[in-house]
Amino acid sequence: MSNYKCIKCGCEEYETDQFQATGGSFSKILDIQNKKFITVSCRKCGYTELYKSNTTAEMNILDFLTR
């Protein structure tokens, strides 16, 4: 993302991170985090954009087994 520019303040510096969340009712009951998101945050004002990322069945099983 060498051409990133915050749409709120115009800053060109950013940081990225990721997080996982549960999806539908079945995954909530078993606390399986089957939704993965990438975040891009402006370093100046903190405005954050979320991008959905793909998760694999293997990652979902591993998450379930490690709980």
N, C-alpha and C. Protein backbone atom coordinates (compact mmCIF):
# COMPACT_ATOMS: atom_id res chain seq x y z
N MET A 1 0.83 -1.19 0.00
CA MET A 1 0.00 0.00 0.00
C MET A 1 0.88 1.25 0.00
N SER A 2 1.76 1.34 -0.92
CA SER A 2 2.67 2.48 -0.95
C SER A 2 1.97 3.78 -1.33
N ASN A 3 0.74 3.70 -1.82
CA ASN A 3 0.02 4.90 -2.20
C ASN A 3 -1.14 5.20 -1.26
N TYR A 4 -1.06 4.75 -0.01
CA TYR A 4 -2.12 4.99 0.97
C TYR A 4 -2.21 6.47 1.29
N LYS A 5 -3.45 6.97 1.37
CA LYS A 5 -3.71 8.34 1.81
C LYS A 5 -5.04 8.32 2.56
N CYS A 6 -5.02 8.73 3.82
CA CYS A 6 -6.21 8.73 4.66
C CYS A 6 -7.28 9.63 4.04
N ILE A 7 -8.50 9.11 3.95
CA ILE A 7 -9.58 9.91 3.37
C ILE A 7 -10.11 10.96 4.34
N LYS A 8 -9.76 10.85 5.62
CA LYS A 8 -10.23 11.81 6.63
C LYS A 8 -9.27 13.00 6.77
N CYS A 9 -7.96 12.73 6.89
CA CYS A 9 -7.02 13.82 7.19
C CYS A 9 -5.92 13.99 6.15
N GLY A 10 -5.79 13.05 5.20
CA GLY A 10 -4.78 13.18 4.15
C GLY A 10 -3.41 12.63 4.51
N CYS A 11 -3.24 12.13 5.72
CA CYS A 11 -1.96 11.57 6.15
C CYS A 11 -1.61 10.35 5.30
N GLU A 12 -0.33 10.16 5.03
CA GLU A 12 0.12 9.03 4.22
C GLU A 12 0.80 7.94 5.04
N GLU A 13 0.78 8.06 6.38
CA GLU A 13 1.38 7.04 7.24
C GLU A 13 0.27 6.18 7.83
N TYR A 14 0.49 4.87 7.87
CA TYR A 14 -0.53 3.94 8.33
C TYR A 14 0.10 2.75 9.01
N GLU A 15 -0.72 1.98 9.70
CA GLU A 15 -0.28 0.70 10.26
C GLU A 15 -1.37 -0.33 10.00
N THR A 16 -0.97 -1.57 9.91
CA THR A 16 -1.92 -2.64 9.65
C THR A 16 -1.94 -3.62 10.82
N ASP A 17 -3.06 -4.31 10.94
CA ASP A 17 -3.24 -5.32 11.98
C ASP A 17 -4.31 -6.29 11.50
N GLN A 18 -4.66 -7.24 12.31
CA GLN A 18 -5.73 -8.18 11.96
C GLN A 18 -6.45 -8.62 13.21
N PHE A 19 -7.70 -9.09 13.04
CA PHE A 19 -8.44 -9.67 14.14
C PHE A 19 -9.41 -10.70 13.60
N GLN A 20 -9.89 -11.56 14.50
CA GLN A 20 -10.85 -12.59 14.13
C GLN A 20 -12.10 -12.43 14.97
N ALA A 21 -13.24 -12.82 14.40
CA ALA A 21 -14.52 -12.70 15.08
C ALA A 21 -15.37 -13.92 14.76
N THR A 22 -16.40 -14.14 15.58
CA THR A 22 -17.31 -15.26 15.32
C THR A 22 -18.32 -14.85 14.27
N GLY A 23 -18.88 -15.85 13.60
CA GLY A 23 -19.88 -15.62 12.57
C GLY A 23 -21.28 -15.89 13.06
N GLY A 24 -21.94 -16.88 12.50
CA GLY A 24 -23.33 -17.19 12.82
C GLY A 24 -23.52 -17.84 14.18
N SER A 25 -24.74 -18.28 14.44
CA SER A 25 -25.11 -18.79 15.76
C SER A 25 -24.33 -20.05 16.16
N PHE A 26 -24.09 -20.97 15.23
CA PHE A 26 -23.35 -22.19 15.55
C PHE A 26 -21.93 -21.87 16.01
N SER A 27 -21.27 -20.98 15.28
CA SER A 27 -19.90 -20.63 15.67
C SER A 27 -19.88 -19.81 16.96
N LYS A 28 -20.94 -19.05 17.24
CA LYS A 28 -21.01 -18.31 18.50
C LYS A 28 -21.14 -19.27 19.68
N ILE A 29 -21.97 -20.31 19.50
CA ILE A 29 -22.16 -21.28 20.58
C ILE A 29 -20.85 -21.98 20.92
N LEU A 30 -20.10 -22.36 19.90
CA LEU A 30 -18.83 -23.06 20.12
C LEU A 30 -17.64 -22.12 20.22
N ASP A 31 -17.88 -20.81 20.12
CA ASP A 31 -16.83 -19.79 20.18
C ASP A 31 -15.74 -20.04 19.14
N ILE A 32 -16.17 -20.31 17.91
CA ILE A 32 -15.25 -20.51 16.79
C ILE A 32 -15.14 -19.19 16.04
N GLN A 33 -13.93 -18.67 15.98
CA GLN A 33 -13.72 -17.39 15.30
C GLN A 33 -13.41 -17.66 13.83
N ASN A 34 -14.47 -17.68 13.01
CA ASN A 34 -14.32 -18.07 11.62
C ASN A 34 -14.35 -16.89 10.66
N LYS A 35 -14.30 -15.68 11.15
CA LYS A 35 -14.23 -14.49 10.31
C LYS A 35 -12.92 -13.77 10.60
N LYS A 36 -12.16 -13.46 9.57
CA LYS A 36 -10.87 -12.81 9.74
C LYS A 36 -10.88 -11.48 8.98
N PHE A 37 -10.34 -10.44 9.62
CA PHE A 37 -10.32 -9.11 9.02
C PHE A 37 -8.93 -8.50 9.12
N ILE A 38 -8.56 -7.75 8.10
CA ILE A 38 -7.33 -6.98 8.09
C ILE A 38 -7.73 -5.52 8.32
N THR A 39 -6.99 -4.82 9.18
CA THR A 39 -7.28 -3.41 9.42
C THR A 39 -6.14 -2.55 8.90
N VAL A 40 -6.48 -1.37 8.39
CA VAL A 40 -5.51 -0.37 7.98
C VAL A 40 -5.90 0.91 8.71
N SER A 41 -5.02 1.40 9.58
CA SER A 41 -5.32 2.56 10.42
C SER A 41 -4.37 3.71 10.13
N CYS A 42 -4.93 4.91 10.03
CA CYS A 42 -4.14 6.12 9.86
C CYS A 42 -3.38 6.39 11.15
N ARG A 43 -2.11 6.70 11.04
CA ARG A 43 -1.30 6.95 12.24
C ARG A 43 -1.59 8.32 12.86
N LYS A 44 -2.14 9.22 12.09
CA LYS A 44 -2.40 10.56 12.60
C LYS A 44 -3.76 10.65 13.31
N CYS A 45 -4.83 10.27 12.62
CA CYS A 45 -6.17 10.46 13.20
C CYS A 45 -6.83 9.18 13.68
N GLY A 46 -6.26 8.01 13.33
CA GLY A 46 -6.80 6.74 13.80
C GLY A 46 -7.92 6.17 12.96
N TYR A 47 -8.33 6.85 11.90
CA TYR A 47 -9.38 6.32 11.02
C TYR A 47 -8.96 4.93 10.55
N THR A 48 -9.87 3.96 10.66
CA THR A 48 -9.54 2.57 10.35
C THR A 48 -10.49 2.00 9.32
N GLU A 49 -9.93 1.32 8.34
CA GLU A 49 -10.70 0.61 7.33
C GLU A 49 -10.55 -0.89 7.58
N LEU A 50 -11.63 -1.65 7.39
CA LEU A 50 -11.61 -3.10 7.57
C LEU A 50 -11.72 -3.79 6.22
N TYR A 51 -10.94 -4.84 6.04
CA TYR A 51 -10.99 -5.64 4.84
C TYR A 51 -11.16 -7.09 5.24
N LYS A 52 -12.16 -7.74 4.68
CA LYS A 52 -12.43 -9.14 4.99
C LYS A 52 -11.36 -10.02 4.36
N SER A 53 -10.88 -10.97 5.14
CA SER A 53 -9.87 -11.90 4.68
C SER A 53 -10.45 -13.30 4.73
N ASN A 54 -9.95 -14.18 3.92
CA ASN A 54 -10.45 -15.56 3.90
C ASN A 54 -9.84 -16.38 5.02
N THR A 55 -10.65 -17.28 5.58
CA THR A 55 -10.14 -18.25 6.55
C THR A 55 -10.31 -19.64 5.94
N THR A 56 -9.45 -20.54 6.34
CA THR A 56 -9.53 -21.90 5.82
C THR A 56 -10.22 -22.81 6.83
N ALA A 57 -10.71 -23.91 6.36
CA ALA A 57 -11.34 -24.90 7.25
C ALA A 57 -10.34 -25.39 8.28
N GLU A 58 -9.07 -25.55 7.88
CA GLU A 58 -8.05 -26.01 8.80
C GLU A 58 -7.84 -25.01 9.94
N MET A 59 -7.87 -23.72 9.63
CA MET A 59 -7.71 -22.70 10.67
C MET A 59 -8.91 -22.72 11.62
N ASN A 60 -10.10 -22.95 11.11
CA ASN A 60 -11.29 -23.02 11.95
C ASN A 60 -11.23 -24.22 12.89
N ILE A 61 -10.77 -25.35 12.38
CA ILE A 61 -10.64 -26.56 13.21
C ILE A 61 -9.57 -26.35 14.28
N LEU A 62 -8.45 -25.76 13.90
CA LEU A 62 -7.39 -25.48 14.86
C LEU A 62 -7.88 -24.54 15.95
N ASP A 63 -8.63 -23.52 15.57
CA ASP A 63 -9.18 -22.58 16.56
C ASP A 63 -10.10 -23.32 17.52
N PHE A 64 -10.93 -24.21 17.01
CA PHE A 64 -11.86 -24.97 17.84
C PHE A 64 -11.10 -25.89 18.81
N LEU A 65 -10.07 -26.55 18.34
CA LEU A 65 -9.33 -27.51 19.16
C LEU A 65 -8.46 -26.83 20.22
N THR A 66 -8.07 -25.60 20.00
CA THR A 66 -7.18 -24.93 20.96
C THR A 66 -7.97 -24.14 22.00
N ARG A 67 -9.27 -24.23 22.02
CA ARG A 67 -10.09 -23.51 23.02
C ARG A 67 -10.23 -24.33 24.27
